[in-house]
Amino acid sequence: MLAHQGGWDEILLVLAPILVIAGLLLLAKKRVERSLRDNESSAADRDGS
């Protein structure tokens, strides 16, 4: 498959999963923040009525 390429290929094998996990964590964080913001605005709408 891949012959030894001087180390850069091993670095990719380590960094690729780390980057995927970091991206998924950022996505989850954004979704939670958006959900909290939406809940706060809907609670304010209910209280104001």
PDB file of N, CA and C in Angstrom:
ATOM      1  N   MET A   1       0.845  -1.185   0.000  1.00  0.00           N
ATOM      2  CA  MET A   1       0.000   0.000   0.000  1.00  0.00           C
ATOM      3  C   MET A   1       0.887   1.245   0.000  1.00  0.00           C
ATOM      4  N   LEU A   2       1.265   1.721   1.182  1.00  0.00           N
ATOM      5  CA  LEU A   2       2.154   2.883   1.262  1.00  0.00           C
ATOM      6  C   LEU A   2       3.526   2.421   1.718  1.00  0.00           C
ATOM      7  N   ALA A   3       4.532   2.748   0.929  1.00  0.00           N
ATOM      8  CA  ALA A   3       5.899   2.490   1.369  1.00  0.00           C
ATOM      9  C   ALA A   3       6.312   3.600   2.326  1.00  0.00           C
ATOM     10  N   HIS A   4       7.364   3.376   3.072  1.00  0.00           N
ATOM     11  CA  HIS A   4       7.828   4.374   4.018  1.00  0.00           C
ATOM     12  C   HIS A   4       8.245   5.627   3.248  1.00  0.00           C
ATOM     13  N   GLN A   5       7.677   6.760   3.616  1.00  0.00           N
ATOM     14  CA  GLN A   5       7.889   8.003   2.880  1.00  0.00           C
ATOM     15  C   GLN A   5       8.658   9.039   3.691  1.00  0.00           C
ATOM     16  N   GLY A   6       9.425   8.613   4.658  1.00  0.00           N
ATOM     17  CA  GLY A   6      10.224   9.555   5.416  1.00  0.00           C
ATOM     18  C   GLY A   6       9.508  10.154   6.615  1.00  0.00           C
ATOM     19  N   GLY A   7       8.374   9.654   6.973  1.00  0.00           N
ATOM     20  CA  GLY A   7       7.686  10.097   8.175  1.00  0.00           C
ATOM     21  C   GLY A   7       6.435  10.909   7.943  1.00  0.00           C
ATOM     22  N   TRP A   8       6.286  11.556   6.808  1.00  0.00           N
ATOM     23  CA  TRP A   8       5.107  12.394   6.602  1.00  0.00           C
ATOM     24  C   TRP A   8       3.833  11.570   6.542  1.00  0.00           C
ATOM     25  N   ASP A   9       3.925  10.329   6.047  1.00  0.00           N
ATOM     26  CA  ASP A   9       2.728   9.496   5.969  1.00  0.00           C
ATOM     27  C   ASP A   9       2.254   9.062   7.359  1.00  0.00           C
ATOM     28  N   GLU A  10       3.208   8.810   8.258  1.00  0.00           N
ATOM     29  CA  GLU A  10       2.822   8.459   9.621  1.00  0.00           C
ATOM     30  C   GLU A  10       2.192   9.652  10.330  1.00  0.00           C
ATOM     31  N   ILE A  11       2.689  10.836  10.042  1.00  0.00           N
ATOM     32  CA  ILE A  11       2.109  12.043  10.634  1.00  0.00           C
ATOM     33  C   ILE A  11       0.652  12.188  10.179  1.00  0.00           C
ATOM     34  N   LEU A  12       0.370  11.915   8.916  1.00  0.00           N
ATOM     35  CA  LEU A  12      -1.005  12.001   8.425  1.00  0.00           C
ATOM     36  C   LEU A  12      -1.903  10.980   9.111  1.00  0.00           C
ATOM     37  N   LEU A  13      -1.369   9.794   9.374  1.00  0.00           N
ATOM     38  CA  LEU A  13      -2.163   8.759  10.032  1.00  0.00           C
ATOM     39  C   LEU A  13      -2.528   9.156  11.459  1.00  0.00           C
ATOM     40  N   VAL A  14      -1.739  10.000  12.080  1.00  0.00           N
ATOM     41  CA  VAL A  14      -2.039  10.481  13.428  1.00  0.00           C
ATOM     42  C   VAL A  14      -2.904  11.736  13.375  1.00  0.00           C
ATOM     43  N   LEU A  15      -2.554  12.676  12.503  1.00  0.00           N
ATOM     44  CA  LEU A  15      -3.252  13.963  12.469  1.00  0.00           C
ATOM     45  C   LEU A  15      -4.668  13.877  11.891  1.00  0.00           C
ATOM     46  N   ALA A  16      -4.884  13.003  10.927  1.00  0.00           N
ATOM     47  CA  ALA A  16      -6.205  12.935  10.288  1.00  0.00           C
ATOM     48  C   ALA A  16      -7.309  12.631  11.304  1.00  0.00           C
ATOM     49  N   PRO A  17      -7.182  11.593  12.138  1.00  0.00           N
ATOM     50  CA  PRO A  17      -8.257  11.349  13.116  1.00  0.00           C
ATOM     51  C   PRO A  17      -8.393  12.474  14.137  1.00  0.00           C
ATOM     52  N   ILE A  18      -7.274  13.081  14.537  1.00  0.00           N
ATOM     53  CA  ILE A  18      -7.330  14.182  15.493  1.00  0.00           C
ATOM     54  C   ILE A  18      -8.105  15.345  14.894  1.00  0.00           C
ATOM     55  N   LEU A  19      -7.845  15.664  13.630  1.00  0.00           N
ATOM     56  CA  LEU A  19      -8.553  16.765  12.971  1.00  0.00           C
ATOM     57  C   LEU A  19     -10.038  16.460  12.803  1.00  0.00           C
ATOM     58  N   VAL A  20     -10.364  15.215  12.507  1.00  0.00           N
ATOM     59  CA  VAL A  20     -11.774  14.839  12.364  1.00  0.00           C
ATOM     60  C   VAL A  20     -12.497  15.001  13.702  1.00  0.00           C
ATOM     61  N   ILE A  21     -11.878  14.524  14.774  1.00  0.00           N
ATOM     62  CA  ILE A  21     -12.493  14.631  16.098  1.00  0.00           C
ATOM     63  C   ILE A  21     -12.633  16.097  16.505  1.00  0.00           C
ATOM     64  N   ALA A  22     -11.610  16.904  16.250  1.00  0.00           N
ATOM     65  CA  ALA A  22     -11.677  18.330  16.583  1.00  0.00           C
ATOM     66  C   ALA A  22     -12.803  19.010  15.803  1.00  0.00           C
ATOM     67  N   GLY A  23     -12.950  18.677  14.537  1.00  0.00           N
ATOM     68  CA  GLY A  23     -14.024  19.247  13.728  1.00  0.00           C
ATOM     69  C   GLY A  23     -15.398  18.856  14.245  1.00  0.00           C
ATOM     70  N   LEU A  24     -15.552  17.590  14.652  1.00  0.00           N
ATOM     71  CA  LEU A  24     -16.832  17.152  15.195  1.00  0.00           C
ATOM     72  C   LEU A  24     -17.140  17.846  16.520  1.00  0.00           C
ATOM     73  N   LEU A  25     -16.121  18.062  17.347  1.00  0.00           N
ATOM     74  CA  LEU A  25     -16.330  18.772  18.606  1.00  0.00           C
ATOM     75  C   LEU A  25     -16.747  20.215  18.365  1.00  0.00           C
ATOM     76  N   LEU A  26     -16.121  20.876  17.392  1.00  0.00           N
ATOM     77  CA  LEU A  26     -16.517  22.249  17.064  1.00  0.00           C
ATOM     78  C   LEU A  26     -17.956  22.306  16.558  1.00  0.00           C
ATOM     79  N   LEU A  27     -18.327  21.348  15.728  1.00  0.00           N
ATOM     80  CA  LEU A  27     -19.688  21.296  15.210  1.00  0.00           C
ATOM     81  C   LEU A  27     -20.687  21.099  16.348  1.00  0.00           C
ATOM     82  N   ALA A  28     -20.380  20.194  17.265  1.00  0.00           N
ATOM     83  CA  ALA A  28     -21.271  19.941  18.396  1.00  0.00           C
ATOM     84  C   ALA A  28     -21.375  21.176  19.281  1.00  0.00           C
ATOM     85  N   LYS A  29     -20.255  21.867  19.500  1.00  0.00           N
ATOM     86  CA  LYS A  29     -20.268  23.068  20.331  1.00  0.00           C
ATOM     87  C   LYS A  29     -21.159  24.146  19.710  1.00  0.00           C
ATOM     88  N   LYS A  30     -21.049  24.334  18.401  1.00  0.00           N
ATOM     89  CA  LYS A  30     -21.872  25.330  17.722  1.00  0.00           C
ATOM     90  C   LYS A  30     -23.354  24.983  17.831  1.00  0.00           C
ATOM     91  N   ARG A  31     -23.674  23.690  17.713  1.00  0.00           N
ATOM     92  CA  ARG A  31     -25.072  23.282  17.802  1.00  0.00           C
ATOM     93  C   ARG A  31     -25.624  23.519  19.195  1.00  0.00           C
ATOM     94  N   VAL A  32     -24.825  23.230  20.232  1.00  0.00           N
ATOM     95  CA  VAL A  32     -25.269  23.454  21.608  1.00  0.00           C
ATOM     96  C   VAL A  32     -25.464  24.940  21.863  1.00  0.00           C
ATOM     97  N   GLU A  33     -24.505  25.757  21.424  1.00  0.00           N
ATOM     98  CA  GLU A  33     -24.634  27.202  21.629  1.00  0.00           C
ATOM     99  C   GLU A  33     -25.860  27.751  20.911  1.00  0.00           C
ATOM    100  N   ARG A  34     -26.120  27.272  19.700  1.00  0.00           N
ATOM    101  CA  ARG A  34     -27.297  27.732  18.952  1.00  0.00           C
ATOM    102  C   ARG A  34     -28.575  27.295  19.666  1.00  0.00           C
ATOM    103  N   SER A  35     -28.581  26.084  20.191  1.00  0.00           N
ATOM    104  CA  SER A  35     -29.749  25.584  20.901  1.00  0.00           C
ATOM    105  C   SER A  35     -30.010  26.398  22.169  1.00  0.00           C
ATOM    106  N   LEU A  36     -28.954  26.707  22.912  1.00  0.00           N
ATOM    107  CA  LEU A  36     -29.110  27.518  24.119  1.00  0.00           C
ATOM    108  C   LEU A  36     -29.615  28.911  23.783  1.00  0.00           C
ATOM    109  N   ARG A  37     -29.076  29.495  22.713  1.00  0.00           N
ATOM    110  CA  ARG A  37     -29.500  30.831  22.300  1.00  0.00           C
ATOM    111  C   ARG A  37     -30.979  30.815  21.879  1.00  0.00           C
ATOM    112  N   ASP A  38     -31.383  29.779  21.153  1.00  0.00           N
ATOM    113  CA  ASP A  38     -32.783  29.673  20.732  1.00  0.00           C
ATOM    114  C   ASP A  38     -33.699  29.480  21.930  1.00  0.00           C
ATOM    115  N   ASN A  39     -33.270  28.686  22.905  1.00  0.00           N
ATOM    116  CA  ASN A  39     -34.087  28.469  24.101  1.00  0.00           C
ATOM    117  C   ASN A  39     -34.224  29.747  24.904  1.00  0.00           C
ATOM    118  N   GLU A  40     -33.148  30.523  25.005  1.00  0.00           N
ATOM    119  CA  GLU A  40     -33.213  31.781  25.742  1.00  0.00           C
ATOM    120  C   GLU A  40     -34.153  32.770  25.058  1.00  0.00           C
ATOM    121  N   SER A  41     -34.093  32.836  23.738  1.00  0.00           N
ATOM    122  CA  SER A  41     -34.954  33.784  23.030  1.00  0.00           C
ATOM    123  C   SER A  41     -36.412  33.352  23.102  1.00  0.00           C
ATOM    124  N   SER A  42     -36.690  32.055  23.042  1.00  0.00           N
ATOM    125  CA  SER A  42     -38.087  31.612  23.140  1.00  0.00           C
ATOM    126  C   SER A  42     -38.611  31.788  24.560  1.00  0.00           C
ATOM    127  N   ALA A  43     -37.740  31.638  25.565  1.00  0.00           N
ATOM    128  CA  ALA A  43     -38.169  31.876  26.949  1.00  0.00           C
ATOM    129  C   ALA A  43     -38.461  33.353  27.157  1.00  0.00           C
ATOM    130  N   ALA A  44     -37.672  34.217  26.561  1.00  0.00           N
ATOM    131  CA  ALA A  44     -37.903  35.664  26.683  1.00  0.00           C
ATOM    132  C   ALA A  44     -39.200  36.039  25.980  1.00  0.00           C
ATOM    133  N   ASP A  45     -39.500  35.396  24.867  1.00  0.00           N
ATOM    134  CA  ASP A  45     -40.753  35.669  24.159  1.00  0.00           C
ATOM    135  C   ASP A  45     -41.955  35.270  25.004  1.00  0.00           C
ATOM    136  N   ARG A  46     -41.856  34.139  25.685  1.00  0.00           N
ATOM    137  CA  ARG A  46     -42.962  33.678  26.525  1.00  0.00           C
ATOM    138  C   ARG A  46     -43.139  34.585  27.740  1.00  0.00           C
ATOM    139  N   ASP A  47     -42.033  35.012  28.325  1.00  0.00           N
ATOM    140  CA  ASP A  47     -42.126  35.875  29.505  1.00  0.00           C
ATOM    141  C   ASP A  47     -42.663  37.258  29.158  1.00  0.00           C
ATOM    142  N   GLY A  48     -42.345  37.723  27.965  1.00  0.00           N
ATOM    143  CA  GLY A  48     -42.770  39.055  27.562  1.00  0.00           C
ATOM    144  C   GLY A  48     -44.246  39.128  27.218  1.00  0.00           C
ATOM    145  N   SER A  49     -44.862  37.997  26.945  1.00  0.00           N
ATOM    146  CA  SER A  49     -46.263  38.009  26.530  1.00  0.00           C
ATOM    147  C   SER A  49     -47.212  38.043  27.697  1.00  0.00           C
TER     148      SER A  49
END
